[in-house]
Amino acid sequence: MRILLIEDEAALARPLREHLEADHHIVEWFTTLDEAHSAIRALEYDVVLLDLHLPDGDGLTFLSKIRDQHIRTPVIILTARDKISDRIDGLNRGADDYVIKPFDLDEVKARIHTVCRRSADQLTQTTVIRDLSICFSDHSVTRQGQPVRLTAREWSVLEVLLRRKSRIVPKESLEAAVYAYGEEVESNALEAHISRLRTKLGKDLIVTHRGVGYMLQP
């Protein structure tokens, strides 16, 4: 799991990052909203842990901004604001959960798994693109009514591209979704998966943006 942590208090962020990395999650930690926004525009994350008081702005403004940009990554707010009105404001702006500081590290980890499971459950429907019917619940694909066999890694690439269809997904994001943490990736392995997907699903479905990444074009 790739986690974006936005927190300027090192005393909170460092042990949280270490705790999550001990479970083999990838945690990218930023202390400003500007850096975090650049990261979430470039990479695919499974969840965002968001502080509300950052040196360059307010976390709720950041949250509204990414939701306006159709970034649907689950967001858990980490804050000392414990008023009900503050929680309602955060949830209304698109947060998925709210954790009050000081927090227990295991509680944060449990909440991460809960919101990610909830997000995955929302992908149980069937999506129709061109002549393809794609079912998230059983990882099945049909083309013109005929079943298409995908490997596990081909499915992983397709799923990430579907989550961000019509947006460029960096090569690094796709590799992070397809390969396990610390696993060695051959130089042209991702390109091979993309090539096979084009053969199976349509040669112009996935567009290459050289030097940047790939985009699924509905």
N, C-alpha and C. Protein backbone atom coordinates (compact mmCIF):
# COMPACT_ATOMS: atom_id res chain seq x y z
N MET A 1 0.84 -1.19 0.00
CA MET A 1 0.00 0.00 0.00
C MET A 1 0.88 1.25 0.00
N ARG A 2 0.52 2.23 -0.84
CA ARG A 2 1.27 3.48 -0.90
C ARG A 2 0.48 4.56 -0.17
N ILE A 3 1.10 5.18 0.82
CA ILE A 3 0.43 6.14 1.71
C ILE A 3 1.09 7.50 1.59
N LEU A 4 0.28 8.53 1.44
CA LEU A 4 0.77 9.91 1.42
C LEU A 4 0.49 10.52 2.79
N LEU A 5 1.56 10.87 3.50
CA LEU A 5 1.46 11.46 4.83
C LEU A 5 1.81 12.94 4.73
N ILE A 6 0.86 13.80 5.14
CA ILE A 6 1.07 15.25 5.10
C ILE A 6 0.99 15.76 6.53
N GLU A 7 2.14 16.02 7.12
CA GLU A 7 2.23 16.38 8.54
C GLU A 7 3.55 17.11 8.79
N ASP A 8 3.47 18.28 9.43
CA ASP A 8 4.69 19.05 9.65
C ASP A 8 5.30 18.82 11.03
N GLU A 9 4.64 18.06 11.88
CA GLU A 9 5.19 17.77 13.20
C GLU A 9 5.98 16.45 13.14
N ALA A 10 7.30 16.57 13.16
CA ALA A 10 8.14 15.39 13.01
C ALA A 10 7.93 14.39 14.15
N ALA A 11 7.63 14.90 15.34
CA ALA A 11 7.45 14.02 16.50
C ALA A 11 6.25 13.10 16.32
N LEU A 12 5.29 13.50 15.51
CA LEU A 12 4.13 12.66 15.21
C LEU A 12 4.35 11.85 13.93
N ALA A 13 4.90 12.52 12.93
CA ALA A 13 5.01 11.89 11.61
C ALA A 13 6.03 10.75 11.59
N ARG A 14 7.18 10.97 12.24
CA ARG A 14 8.26 9.98 12.14
C ARG A 14 7.85 8.62 12.73
N PRO A 15 7.32 8.56 13.97
CA PRO A 15 6.93 7.24 14.49
C PRO A 15 5.77 6.61 13.72
N LEU A 16 4.86 7.46 13.19
CA LEU A 16 3.76 6.93 12.40
C LEU A 16 4.29 6.30 11.11
N ARG A 17 5.19 6.98 10.44
CA ARG A 17 5.77 6.43 9.22
C ARG A 17 6.50 5.12 9.52
N GLU A 18 7.29 5.09 10.57
CA GLU A 18 8.04 3.88 10.91
C GLU A 18 7.10 2.72 11.23
N HIS A 19 6.01 3.03 11.92
CA HIS A 19 5.03 2.00 12.28
C HIS A 19 4.38 1.39 11.04
N LEU A 20 4.06 2.23 10.08
CA LEU A 20 3.41 1.75 8.85
C LEU A 20 4.42 1.05 7.94
N GLU A 21 5.64 1.55 7.88
CA GLU A 21 6.66 0.91 7.06
C GLU A 21 7.03 -0.46 7.62
N ALA A 22 6.88 -0.64 8.92
CA ALA A 22 7.15 -1.95 9.51
C ALA A 22 6.19 -3.01 8.98
N ASP A 23 5.03 -2.55 8.48
CA ASP A 23 4.06 -3.46 7.85
C ASP A 23 4.25 -3.52 6.34
N HIS A 24 5.39 -3.01 5.87
CA HIS A 24 5.77 -3.06 4.45
C HIS A 24 4.93 -2.15 3.57
N HIS A 25 4.37 -1.10 4.17
CA HIS A 25 3.71 -0.07 3.37
C HIS A 25 4.75 0.95 2.90
N ILE A 26 4.47 1.59 1.77
CA ILE A 26 5.32 2.67 1.28
C ILE A 26 4.71 3.97 1.78
N VAL A 27 5.47 4.72 2.58
CA VAL A 27 4.97 5.97 3.15
C VAL A 27 5.82 7.13 2.64
N GLU A 28 5.17 8.04 1.94
CA GLU A 28 5.86 9.24 1.45
C GLU A 28 5.37 10.42 2.29
N TRP A 29 6.32 11.05 2.97
CA TRP A 29 6.00 12.07 3.98
C TRP A 29 6.39 13.45 3.46
N PHE A 30 5.41 14.36 3.49
CA PHE A 30 5.64 15.75 3.10
C PHE A 30 5.18 16.67 4.21
N THR A 31 5.85 17.81 4.33
CA THR A 31 5.53 18.76 5.40
C THR A 31 4.81 20.00 4.89
N THR A 32 4.61 20.10 3.58
CA THR A 32 3.88 21.24 3.02
C THR A 32 2.82 20.74 2.04
N LEU A 33 1.78 21.55 1.89
CA LEU A 33 0.69 21.20 0.99
C LEU A 33 1.12 21.28 -0.48
N ASP A 34 2.01 22.22 -0.77
CA ASP A 34 2.47 22.38 -2.14
C ASP A 34 3.20 21.12 -2.61
N GLU A 35 4.09 20.59 -1.79
CA GLU A 35 4.81 19.36 -2.15
C GLU A 35 3.84 18.19 -2.27
N ALA A 36 2.89 18.13 -1.33
CA ALA A 36 1.93 17.02 -1.33
C ALA A 36 1.03 17.07 -2.56
N HIS A 37 0.65 18.26 -2.97
CA HIS A 37 -0.21 18.38 -4.14
C HIS A 37 0.53 17.92 -5.40
N SER A 38 1.79 18.28 -5.51
CA SER A 38 2.58 17.82 -6.65
C SER A 38 2.67 16.30 -6.66
N ALA A 39 2.82 15.71 -5.48
CA ALA A 39 2.95 14.26 -5.38
C ALA A 39 1.67 13.55 -5.77
N ILE A 40 0.53 14.03 -5.27
CA ILE A 40 -0.73 13.32 -5.52
C ILE A 40 -1.21 13.53 -6.96
N ARG A 41 -0.73 14.58 -7.60
CA ARG A 41 -1.04 14.78 -9.02
C ARG A 41 -0.20 13.84 -9.90
N ALA A 42 0.95 13.44 -9.37
CA ALA A 42 1.87 12.63 -10.17
C ALA A 42 1.75 11.14 -9.91
N LEU A 43 1.38 10.75 -8.68
CA LEU A 43 1.39 9.35 -8.29
C LEU A 43 0.04 8.89 -7.78
N GLU A 44 -0.16 7.59 -7.83
CA GLU A 44 -1.39 6.97 -7.34
C GLU A 44 -1.16 6.50 -5.91
N TYR A 45 -1.96 7.00 -4.96
CA TYR A 45 -1.86 6.60 -3.56
C TYR A 45 -3.10 5.82 -3.16
N ASP A 46 -2.93 4.96 -2.16
CA ASP A 46 -4.07 4.21 -1.64
C ASP A 46 -4.83 4.99 -0.58
N VAL A 47 -4.13 5.86 0.14
CA VAL A 47 -4.77 6.65 1.18
C VAL A 47 -3.89 7.86 1.50
N VAL A 48 -4.54 8.95 1.94
CA VAL A 48 -3.84 10.16 2.36
C VAL A 48 -4.11 10.39 3.84
N LEU A 49 -3.05 10.66 4.61
CA LEU A 49 -3.17 11.07 6.02
C LEU A 49 -2.86 12.55 6.07
N LEU A 50 -3.86 13.35 6.42
CA LEU A 50 -3.78 14.80 6.24
C LEU A 50 -3.92 15.57 7.54
N ASP A 51 -2.87 16.30 7.89
CA ASP A 51 -2.95 17.26 8.99
C ASP A 51 -3.67 18.52 8.48
N LEU A 52 -4.29 19.27 9.38
CA LEU A 52 -5.02 20.46 8.95
C LEU A 52 -4.21 21.74 9.04
N HIS A 53 -3.21 21.78 9.91
CA HIS A 53 -2.40 22.99 10.06
C HIS A 53 -1.02 22.76 9.46
N LEU A 54 -0.82 23.27 8.25
CA LEU A 54 0.47 23.14 7.58
C LEU A 54 1.08 24.52 7.37
N PRO A 55 2.39 24.59 7.20
CA PRO A 55 3.06 25.90 7.08
C PRO A 55 2.56 26.75 5.92
N ASP A 56 2.09 26.10 4.85
CA ASP A 56 1.69 26.87 3.67
C ASP A 56 0.18 26.86 3.42
N GLY A 57 -0.60 26.51 4.44
CA GLY A 57 -2.04 26.58 4.24
C GLY A 57 -2.82 25.64 5.13
N ASP A 58 -4.12 25.57 4.83
CA ASP A 58 -5.06 24.78 5.63
C ASP A 58 -5.38 23.47 4.91
N GLY A 59 -5.37 22.37 5.66
CA GLY A 59 -5.60 21.07 5.07
C GLY A 59 -6.97 20.92 4.43
N LEU A 60 -7.99 21.58 4.97
CA LEU A 60 -9.32 21.47 4.39
C LEU A 60 -9.39 22.11 3.00
N THR A 61 -8.64 23.19 2.82
CA THR A 61 -8.57 23.81 1.49
C THR A 61 -7.91 22.86 0.50
N PHE A 62 -6.86 22.19 0.93
CA PHE A 62 -6.19 21.17 0.11
C PHE A 62 -7.16 20.06 -0.24
N LEU A 63 -7.93 19.61 0.74
CA LEU A 63 -8.89 18.53 0.52
C LEU A 63 -9.93 18.92 -0.51
N SER A 64 -10.49 20.12 -0.37
CA SER A 64 -11.47 20.60 -1.35
C SER A 64 -10.86 20.68 -2.74
N LYS A 65 -9.61 21.10 -2.80
CA LYS A 65 -8.93 21.27 -4.10
C LYS A 65 -8.77 19.94 -4.81
N ILE A 66 -8.32 18.91 -4.11
CA ILE A 66 -8.10 17.63 -4.80
C ILE A 66 -9.43 16.97 -5.15
N ARG A 67 -10.46 17.19 -4.33
CA ARG A 67 -11.77 16.64 -4.70
C ARG A 67 -12.32 17.35 -5.94
N ASP A 68 -12.10 18.65 -6.05
CA ASP A 68 -12.52 19.38 -7.24
C ASP A 68 -11.78 18.90 -8.48
N GLN A 69 -10.58 18.36 -8.28
CA GLN A 69 -9.78 17.82 -9.40
C GLN A 69 -10.08 16.34 -9.65
N HIS A 70 -11.14 15.86 -9.01
CA HIS A 70 -11.62 14.48 -9.19
C HIS A 70 -10.61 13.43 -8.72
N ILE A 71 -9.82 13.79 -7.73
CA ILE A 71 -8.93 12.82 -7.09
C ILE A 71 -9.71 12.20 -5.94
N ARG A 72 -10.02 10.91 -6.04
CA ARG A 72 -10.91 10.25 -5.10
C ARG A 72 -10.18 9.38 -4.08
N THR A 73 -8.88 9.55 -3.97
CA THR A 73 -8.10 8.79 -2.99
C THR A 73 -8.68 8.99 -1.59
N PRO A 74 -8.90 7.92 -0.82
CA PRO A 74 -9.41 8.08 0.55
C PRO A 74 -8.51 8.99 1.39
N VAL A 75 -9.12 9.86 2.19
CA VAL A 75 -8.39 10.81 3.03
C VAL A 75 -8.81 10.66 4.48
N ILE A 76 -7.82 10.49 5.34
CA ILE A 76 -8.05 10.47 6.79
C ILE A 76 -7.43 11.73 7.37
N ILE A 77 -8.23 12.53 8.05
CA ILE A 77 -7.73 13.77 8.65
C ILE A 77 -7.14 13.46 10.02
N LEU A 78 -5.93 13.98 10.26
CA LEU A 78 -5.26 13.87 11.55
C LEU A 78 -5.21 15.27 12.16
N THR A 79 -5.89 15.49 13.27
CA THR A 79 -5.96 16.86 13.79
C THR A 79 -6.28 16.87 15.28
N ALA A 80 -5.93 18.00 15.90
CA ALA A 80 -6.29 18.21 17.31
C ALA A 80 -7.67 18.86 17.44
N ARG A 81 -8.27 19.28 16.33
CA ARG A 81 -9.60 19.88 16.37
C ARG A 81 -10.63 18.78 16.68
N ASP A 82 -11.25 18.87 17.84
CA ASP A 82 -12.16 17.80 18.24
C ASP A 82 -13.62 18.23 18.34
N LYS A 83 -13.95 19.42 17.83
CA LYS A 83 -15.34 19.85 17.84
C LYS A 83 -16.13 19.09 16.79
N ILE A 84 -17.38 18.80 17.10
CA ILE A 84 -18.24 18.10 16.16
C ILE A 84 -18.38 18.89 14.86
N SER A 85 -18.47 20.22 14.98
CA SER A 85 -18.62 21.06 13.79
C SER A 85 -17.40 20.94 12.86
N ASP A 86 -16.20 20.80 13.46
CA ASP A 86 -14.99 20.64 12.66
C ASP A 86 -15.01 19.29 11.91
N ARG A 87 -15.46 18.26 12.60
CA ARG A 87 -15.53 16.94 11.97
C ARG A 87 -16.53 16.95 10.82
N ILE A 88 -17.67 17.55 11.04
CA ILE A 88 -18.69 17.61 9.99
C ILE A 88 -18.16 18.38 8.78
N ASP A 89 -17.44 19.47 9.04
CA ASP A 89 -16.88 20.27 7.95
C ASP A 89 -15.91 19.43 7.13
N GLY A 90 -15.04 18.70 7.80
CA GLY A 90 -14.08 17.87 7.10
C GLY A 90 -14.74 16.77 6.29
N LEU A 91 -15.74 16.12 6.85
CA LEU A 91 -16.45 15.06 6.14
C LEU A 91 -17.22 15.62 4.95
N ASN A 92 -17.81 16.79 5.14
CA ASN A 92 -18.55 17.42 4.03
C ASN A 92 -17.64 17.82 2.88
N ARG A 93 -16.38 18.07 3.17
CA ARG A 93 -15.44 18.45 2.11
C ARG A 93 -14.81 17.26 1.42
N GLY A 94 -15.13 16.07 1.91
CA GLY A 94 -14.65 14.88 1.20
C GLY A 94 -13.74 13.96 1.99
N ALA A 95 -13.55 14.21 3.29
CA ALA A 95 -12.74 13.30 4.10
C ALA A 95 -13.48 11.99 4.31
N ASP A 96 -12.74 10.91 4.47
CA ASP A 96 -13.34 9.60 4.69
C ASP A 96 -13.34 9.20 6.16
N ASP A 97 -12.45 9.81 6.94
CA ASP A 97 -12.40 9.51 8.37
C ASP A 97 -11.68 10.64 9.08
N TYR A 98 -11.74 10.62 10.40
CA TYR A 98 -11.24 11.71 11.23
C TYR A 98 -10.58 11.09 12.45
N VAL A 99 -9.29 11.36 12.69
CA VAL A 99 -8.59 10.84 13.86
C VAL A 99 -8.07 12.02 14.68
N ILE A 100 -8.42 12.01 15.96
CA ILE A 100 -8.04 13.11 16.84
C ILE A 100 -6.67 12.86 17.46
N LYS A 101 -5.83 13.88 17.44
CA LYS A 101 -4.52 13.81 18.11
C LYS A 101 -4.71 14.08 19.61
N PRO A 102 -3.88 13.45 20.45
CA PRO A 102 -2.89 12.40 20.12
C PRO A 102 -3.61 11.09 19.82
N PHE A 103 -3.02 10.30 18.93
CA PHE A 103 -3.67 9.08 18.51
C PHE A 103 -2.78 7.87 18.79
N ASP A 104 -3.42 6.72 18.82
CA ASP A 104 -2.70 5.45 18.96
C ASP A 104 -2.30 4.97 17.57
N LEU A 105 -1.08 4.55 17.41
CA LEU A 105 -0.58 4.15 16.08
C LEU A 105 -1.37 2.99 15.50
N ASP A 106 -1.74 2.04 16.33
CA ASP A 106 -2.51 0.89 15.84
C ASP A 106 -3.91 1.31 15.40
N GLU A 107 -4.47 2.32 16.08
CA GLU A 107 -5.79 2.80 15.68
C GLU A 107 -5.73 3.42 14.28
N VAL A 108 -4.68 4.22 14.03
CA VAL A 108 -4.54 4.83 12.70
C VAL A 108 -4.40 3.73 11.65
N LYS A 109 -3.61 2.73 11.95
CA LYS A 109 -3.42 1.62 10.99
C LYS A 109 -4.74 0.92 10.72
N ALA A 110 -5.54 0.69 11.76
CA ALA A 110 -6.83 0.03 11.58
C ALA A 110 -7.78 0.89 10.74
N ARG A 111 -7.76 2.19 10.97
CA ARG A 111 -8.63 3.08 10.20
C ARG A 111 -8.21 3.14 8.72
N ILE A 112 -6.90 3.06 8.48
CA ILE A 112 -6.41 3.02 7.09
C ILE A 112 -6.98 1.80 6.38
N HIS A 113 -6.91 0.65 7.03
CA HIS A 113 -7.43 -0.57 6.40
C HIS A 113 -8.94 -0.48 6.18
N THR A 114 -9.64 0.17 7.11
CA THR A 114 -11.09 0.28 6.99
C THR A 114 -11.48 1.15 5.80
N VAL A 115 -10.85 2.33 5.65
CA VAL A 115 -11.24 3.21 4.54
C VAL A 115 -10.81 2.62 3.20
N CYS A 116 -9.68 1.91 3.17
CA CYS A 116 -9.24 1.30 1.92
C CYS A 116 -10.16 0.15 1.53
N ARG A 117 -10.62 -0.60 2.51
CA ARG A 117 -11.58 -1.68 2.23
C ARG A 117 -12.90 -1.10 1.73
N ARG A 118 -13.32 0.00 2.34
CA ARG A 118 -14.56 0.66 1.91
C ARG A 118 -14.42 1.17 0.49
N SER A 119 -13.25 1.72 0.17
CA SER A 119 -13.01 2.22 -1.18
C SER A 119 -13.03 1.09 -2.20
N ALA A 120 -12.43 -0.05 -1.82
CA ALA A 120 -12.42 -1.21 -2.72
C ALA A 120 -13.82 -1.74 -2.94
N ASP A 121 -14.65 -1.71 -1.89
CA ASP A 121 -16.01 -2.21 -2.00
C ASP A 121 -16.84 -1.40 -2.98
N GLN A 122 -16.46 -0.15 -3.18
CA GLN A 122 -17.19 0.70 -4.12
C GLN A 122 -16.91 0.32 -5.57
N LEU A 123 -15.89 -0.51 -5.77
CA LEU A 123 -15.53 -0.93 -7.12
C LEU A 123 -16.09 -2.32 -7.45
N THR A 124 -17.27 -2.62 -6.93
CA THR A 124 -17.88 -3.93 -7.19
C THR A 124 -18.76 -3.89 -8.42
N GLN A 125 -19.01 -2.72 -8.96
CA GLN A 125 -19.90 -2.60 -10.10
C GLN A 125 -19.17 -2.96 -11.39
N THR A 126 -19.94 -3.11 -12.43
CA THR A 126 -19.38 -3.37 -13.75
C THR A 126 -19.25 -2.06 -14.51
N THR A 127 -18.09 -1.84 -15.11
CA THR A 127 -17.83 -0.66 -15.92
C THR A 127 -17.79 -1.05 -17.38
N VAL A 128 -18.46 -0.28 -18.21
CA VAL A 128 -18.47 -0.53 -19.64
C VAL A 128 -17.69 0.57 -20.35
N ILE A 129 -16.66 0.17 -21.09
CA ILE A 129 -15.84 1.10 -21.87
C ILE A 129 -15.69 0.53 -23.27
N ARG A 130 -16.18 1.28 -24.26
CA ARG A 130 -16.13 0.81 -25.66
C ARG A 130 -16.83 -0.54 -25.75
N ASP A 131 -16.10 -1.56 -26.23
CA ASP A 131 -16.72 -2.89 -26.35
C ASP A 131 -16.32 -3.80 -25.20
N LEU A 132 -15.85 -3.18 -24.11
CA LEU A 132 -15.40 -3.94 -22.95
C LEU A 132 -16.40 -3.84 -21.80
N SER A 133 -16.58 -4.94 -21.08
CA SER A 133 -17.34 -4.96 -19.83
C SER A 133 -16.39 -5.45 -18.75
N ILE A 134 -16.15 -4.60 -17.73
CA ILE A 134 -15.12 -4.88 -16.73
C ILE A 134 -15.78 -4.96 -15.36
N CYS A 135 -15.65 -6.10 -14.70
CA CYS A 135 -16.26 -6.33 -13.40
C CYS A 135 -15.17 -6.34 -12.33
N PHE A 136 -15.27 -5.39 -11.38
CA PHE A 136 -14.25 -5.28 -10.35
C PHE A 136 -14.35 -6.37 -9.30
N SER A 137 -15.55 -6.87 -9.06
CA SER A 137 -15.73 -7.81 -7.96
C SER A 137 -15.02 -9.14 -8.21
N ASP A 138 -15.02 -9.59 -9.46
CA ASP A 138 -14.35 -10.87 -9.75
C ASP A 138 -13.20 -10.75 -10.75
N HIS A 139 -12.79 -9.49 -11.02
CA HIS A 139 -11.64 -9.22 -11.90
C HIS A 139 -11.83 -9.85 -13.29
N SER A 140 -13.05 -9.78 -13.79
CA SER A 140 -13.33 -10.36 -15.09
C SER A 140 -13.51 -9.29 -16.15
N VAL A 141 -13.15 -9.63 -17.38
CA VAL A 141 -13.28 -8.71 -18.51
C VAL A 141 -13.88 -9.48 -19.68
N THR A 142 -14.85 -8.88 -20.34
CA THR A 142 -15.35 -9.44 -21.59
C THR A 142 -15.21 -8.39 -22.68
N ARG A 143 -14.96 -8.86 -23.89
CA ARG A 143 -14.87 -7.97 -25.06
C ARG A 143 -15.81 -8.48 -26.13
N GLN A 144 -16.76 -7.65 -26.49
CA GLN A 144 -17.80 -8.04 -27.44
C GLN A 144 -18.47 -9.33 -26.98
N GLY A 145 -18.67 -9.42 -25.66
CA GLY A 145 -19.36 -10.56 -25.08
C GLY A 145 -18.51 -11.79 -24.85
N GLN A 146 -17.26 -11.74 -25.27
CA GLN A 146 -16.36 -12.88 -25.11
C GLN A 146 -15.39 -12.64 -23.95
N PRO A 147 -15.19 -13.65 -23.08
CA PRO A 147 -14.27 -13.45 -21.95
C PRO A 147 -12.84 -13.23 -22.40
N VAL A 148 -12.15 -12.34 -21.68
CA VAL A 148 -10.74 -12.04 -21.95
C VAL A 148 -9.93 -12.46 -20.73
N ARG A 149 -8.95 -13.29 -20.93
CA ARG A 149 -8.10 -13.75 -19.82
C ARG A 149 -6.99 -12.74 -19.56
N LEU A 150 -6.93 -12.26 -18.31
CA LEU A 150 -5.85 -11.36 -17.90
C LEU A 150 -5.05 -12.01 -16.78
N THR A 151 -3.74 -11.79 -16.79
CA THR A 151 -2.93 -12.22 -15.66
C THR A 151 -3.19 -11.27 -14.48
N ALA A 152 -2.73 -11.67 -13.30
CA ALA A 152 -2.93 -10.83 -12.12
C ALA A 152 -2.29 -9.46 -12.29
N ARG A 153 -1.12 -9.43 -12.90
CA ARG A 153 -0.44 -8.15 -13.07
C ARG A 153 -1.07 -7.31 -14.16
N GLU A 154 -1.56 -7.96 -15.20
CA GLU A 154 -2.28 -7.20 -16.22
C GLU A 154 -3.53 -6.56 -15.62
N TRP A 155 -4.23 -7.31 -14.77
CA TRP A 155 -5.41 -6.75 -14.11
C TRP A 155 -5.02 -5.57 -13.23
N SER A 156 -3.93 -5.68 -12.48
CA SER A 156 -3.50 -4.59 -11.61
C SER A 156 -3.22 -3.32 -12.39
N VAL A 157 -2.56 -3.46 -13.54
CA VAL A 157 -2.30 -2.29 -14.39
C VAL A 157 -3.62 -1.69 -14.87
N LEU A 158 -4.52 -2.54 -15.35
CA LEU A 158 -5.81 -2.06 -15.85
C LEU A 158 -6.61 -1.36 -14.77
N GLU A 159 -6.61 -1.91 -13.56
CA GLU A 159 -7.39 -1.32 -12.47
C GLU A 159 -6.90 0.08 -12.13
N VAL A 160 -5.58 0.26 -12.04
CA VAL A 160 -5.04 1.58 -11.73
C VAL A 160 -5.40 2.58 -12.82
N LEU A 161 -5.28 2.17 -14.07
CA LEU A 161 -5.63 3.06 -15.18
C LEU A 161 -7.11 3.40 -15.17
N LEU A 162 -7.96 2.44 -14.80
CA LEU A 162 -9.39 2.68 -14.73
C LEU A 162 -9.74 3.67 -13.63
N ARG A 163 -9.06 3.55 -12.49
CA ARG A 163 -9.31 4.47 -11.37
C ARG A 163 -9.03 5.92 -11.78
N ARG A 164 -8.11 6.10 -12.71
CA ARG A 164 -7.73 7.45 -13.11
C ARG A 164 -7.88 7.63 -14.62
N LYS A 165 -8.95 7.07 -15.16
CA LYS A 165 -9.15 7.14 -16.60
C LYS A 165 -9.21 8.59 -17.07
N SER A 166 -8.66 8.79 -18.25
CA SER A 166 -8.53 10.12 -18.87
C SER A 166 -7.50 10.99 -18.17
N ARG A 167 -6.70 10.40 -17.26
CA ARG A 167 -5.61 11.12 -16.61
C ARG A 167 -4.32 10.31 -16.79
N ILE A 168 -3.23 11.00 -16.92
CA ILE A 168 -1.94 10.32 -17.10
C ILE A 168 -1.51 9.72 -15.76
N VAL A 169 -1.17 8.44 -15.79
CA VAL A 169 -0.66 7.75 -14.61
C VAL A 169 0.83 7.51 -14.82
N PRO A 170 1.68 8.06 -13.95
CA PRO A 170 3.12 7.87 -14.13
C PRO A 170 3.53 6.39 -14.10
N LYS A 171 4.56 6.09 -14.84
CA LYS A 171 5.08 4.72 -14.89
C LYS A 171 5.39 4.21 -13.49
N GLU A 172 5.95 5.07 -12.65
CA GLU A 172 6.33 4.66 -11.29
C GLU A 172 5.12 4.23 -10.48
N SER A 173 3.98 4.91 -10.69
CA SER A 173 2.76 4.56 -9.96
C SER A 173 2.25 3.19 -10.36
N LEU A 174 2.32 2.90 -11.66
CA LEU A 174 1.88 1.59 -12.14
C LEU A 174 2.79 0.49 -11.62
N GLU A 175 4.09 0.74 -11.63
CA GLU A 175 5.02 -0.27 -11.12
C GLU A 175 4.79 -0.53 -9.64
N ALA A 176 4.52 0.54 -8.88
CA ALA A 176 4.28 0.40 -7.45
C ALA A 176 3.02 -0.42 -7.17
N ALA A 177 2.02 -0.30 -8.06
CA ALA A 177 0.77 -1.05 -7.88
C ALA A 177 0.92 -2.51 -8.28
N VAL A 178 1.81 -2.78 -9.22
CA VAL A 178 1.92 -4.12 -9.79
C VAL A 178 2.93 -4.99 -9.05
N TYR A 179 4.01 -4.37 -8.56
CA TYR A 179 5.09 -5.16 -7.96
C TYR A 179 5.15 -4.94 -6.46
N ALA A 180 5.54 -5.99 -5.75
CA ALA A 180 5.63 -5.92 -4.30
C ALA A 180 6.75 -4.99 -3.87
N TYR A 181 6.61 -4.47 -2.65
CA TYR A 181 7.62 -3.57 -2.10
C TYR A 181 8.98 -4.27 -2.05
N GLY A 182 9.99 -3.66 -2.64
CA GLY A 182 11.33 -4.21 -2.64
C GLY A 182 11.60 -5.20 -3.76
N GLU A 183 10.55 -5.55 -4.51
CA GLU A 183 10.73 -6.49 -5.62
C GLU A 183 11.45 -5.82 -6.78
N GLU A 184 12.42 -6.52 -7.34
CA GLU A 184 13.18 -5.96 -8.46
C GLU A 184 12.32 -5.98 -9.72
N VAL A 185 12.30 -4.86 -10.42
CA VAL A 185 11.48 -4.73 -11.63
C VAL A 185 12.41 -4.63 -12.84
N GLU A 186 12.22 -5.51 -13.80
CA GLU A 186 13.02 -5.45 -15.02
C GLU A 186 12.66 -4.19 -15.81
N SER A 187 13.61 -3.69 -16.55
CA SER A 187 13.48 -2.38 -17.17
C SER A 187 12.25 -2.24 -18.07
N ASN A 188 11.91 -3.28 -18.82
CA ASN A 188 10.79 -3.18 -19.77
C ASN A 188 9.58 -4.03 -19.35
N ALA A 189 9.52 -4.41 -18.08
CA ALA A 189 8.44 -5.29 -17.64
C ALA A 189 7.07 -4.63 -17.77
N LEU A 190 6.96 -3.38 -17.33
CA LEU A 190 5.67 -2.69 -17.41
C LEU A 190 5.23 -2.52 -18.87
N GLU A 191 6.16 -2.15 -19.72
CA GLU A 191 5.84 -1.98 -21.14
C GLU A 191 5.30 -3.28 -21.73
N ALA A 192 5.82 -4.42 -21.27
CA ALA A 192 5.34 -5.71 -21.76
C ALA A 192 3.88 -5.94 -21.34
N HIS A 193 3.55 -5.59 -20.09
CA HIS A 193 2.16 -5.72 -19.63
C HIS A 193 1.23 -4.82 -20.44
N ILE A 194 1.66 -3.59 -20.68
CA ILE A 194 0.85 -2.64 -21.46
C ILE A 194 0.63 -3.18 -22.87
N SER A 195 1.68 -3.73 -23.47
CA SER A 195 1.57 -4.26 -24.82
C SER A 195 0.57 -5.40 -24.90
N ARG A 196 0.61 -6.29 -23.91
CA ARG A 196 -0.34 -7.42 -23.91
C ARG A 196 -1.77 -6.94 -23.68
N LEU A 197 -1.95 -5.92 -22.83
CA LEU A 197 -3.29 -5.37 -22.61
C LEU A 197 -3.84 -4.76 -23.90
N ARG A 198 -2.99 -4.07 -24.64
CA ARG A 198 -3.45 -3.49 -25.91
C ARG A 198 -3.87 -4.58 -26.89
N THR A 199 -3.12 -5.67 -26.92
CA THR A 199 -3.46 -6.78 -27.81
C THR A 199 -4.81 -7.38 -27.43
N LYS A 200 -5.06 -7.50 -26.13
CA LYS A 200 -6.27 -8.16 -25.66
C LYS A 200 -7.50 -7.24 -25.65
N LEU A 201 -7.28 -5.92 -25.38
CA LEU A 201 -8.40 -5.01 -25.13
C LEU A 201 -8.59 -3.94 -26.20
N GLY A 202 -7.62 -3.78 -27.08
CA GLY A 202 -7.72 -2.74 -28.11
C GLY A 202 -6.47 -1.90 -28.13
N LYS A 203 -5.87 -1.76 -29.29
CA LYS A 203 -4.55 -1.16 -29.36
C LYS A 203 -4.51 0.31 -28.99
N ASP A 204 -5.65 1.02 -29.14
CA ASP A 204 -5.65 2.46 -28.84
C ASP A 204 -6.34 2.78 -27.52
N LEU A 205 -6.63 1.77 -26.69
CA LEU A 205 -7.29 2.01 -25.41
C LEU A 205 -6.34 2.70 -24.43
N ILE A 206 -5.08 2.28 -24.44
CA ILE A 206 -4.08 2.84 -23.53
C ILE A 206 -3.12 3.69 -24.34
N VAL A 207 -3.04 4.96 -23.97
CA VAL A 207 -2.22 5.92 -24.70
C VAL A 207 -0.90 6.14 -23.96
N THR A 208 0.20 6.12 -24.68
CA THR A 208 1.52 6.38 -24.09
C THR A 208 1.84 7.87 -24.15
N HIS A 209 2.24 8.43 -23.02
CA HIS A 209 2.77 9.80 -22.97
C HIS A 209 4.25 9.66 -22.64
N ARG A 210 5.07 9.72 -23.66
CA ARG A 210 6.48 9.38 -23.52
C ARG A 210 7.17 10.24 -22.46
N GLY A 211 7.92 9.54 -21.61
CA GLY A 211 8.65 10.21 -20.56
C GLY A 211 7.80 10.56 -19.35
N VAL A 212 6.49 10.29 -19.43
CA VAL A 212 5.59 10.64 -18.32
C VAL A 212 4.87 9.40 -17.80
N GLY A 213 4.07 8.76 -18.66
CA GLY A 213 3.32 7.59 -18.20
C GLY A 213 2.29 7.16 -19.22
N TYR A 214 1.17 6.62 -18.72
CA TYR A 214 0.14 6.05 -19.58
C TYR A 214 -1.23 6.58 -19.16
N MET A 215 -2.15 6.57 -20.12
CA MET A 215 -3.51 7.03 -19.85
C MET A 215 -4.51 6.10 -20.53
N LEU A 216 -5.57 5.74 -19.81
CA LEU A 216 -6.64 4.97 -20.40
C LEU A 216 -7.63 5.95 -21.03
N GLN A 217 -7.84 5.80 -22.32
CA GLN A 217 -8.70 6.72 -23.07
C GLN A 217 -10.04 6.04 -23.36
N PRO A 218 -11.11 6.39 -22.62
CA PRO A 218 -12.42 5.73 -22.83
C PRO A 218 -12.94 5.93 -24.25
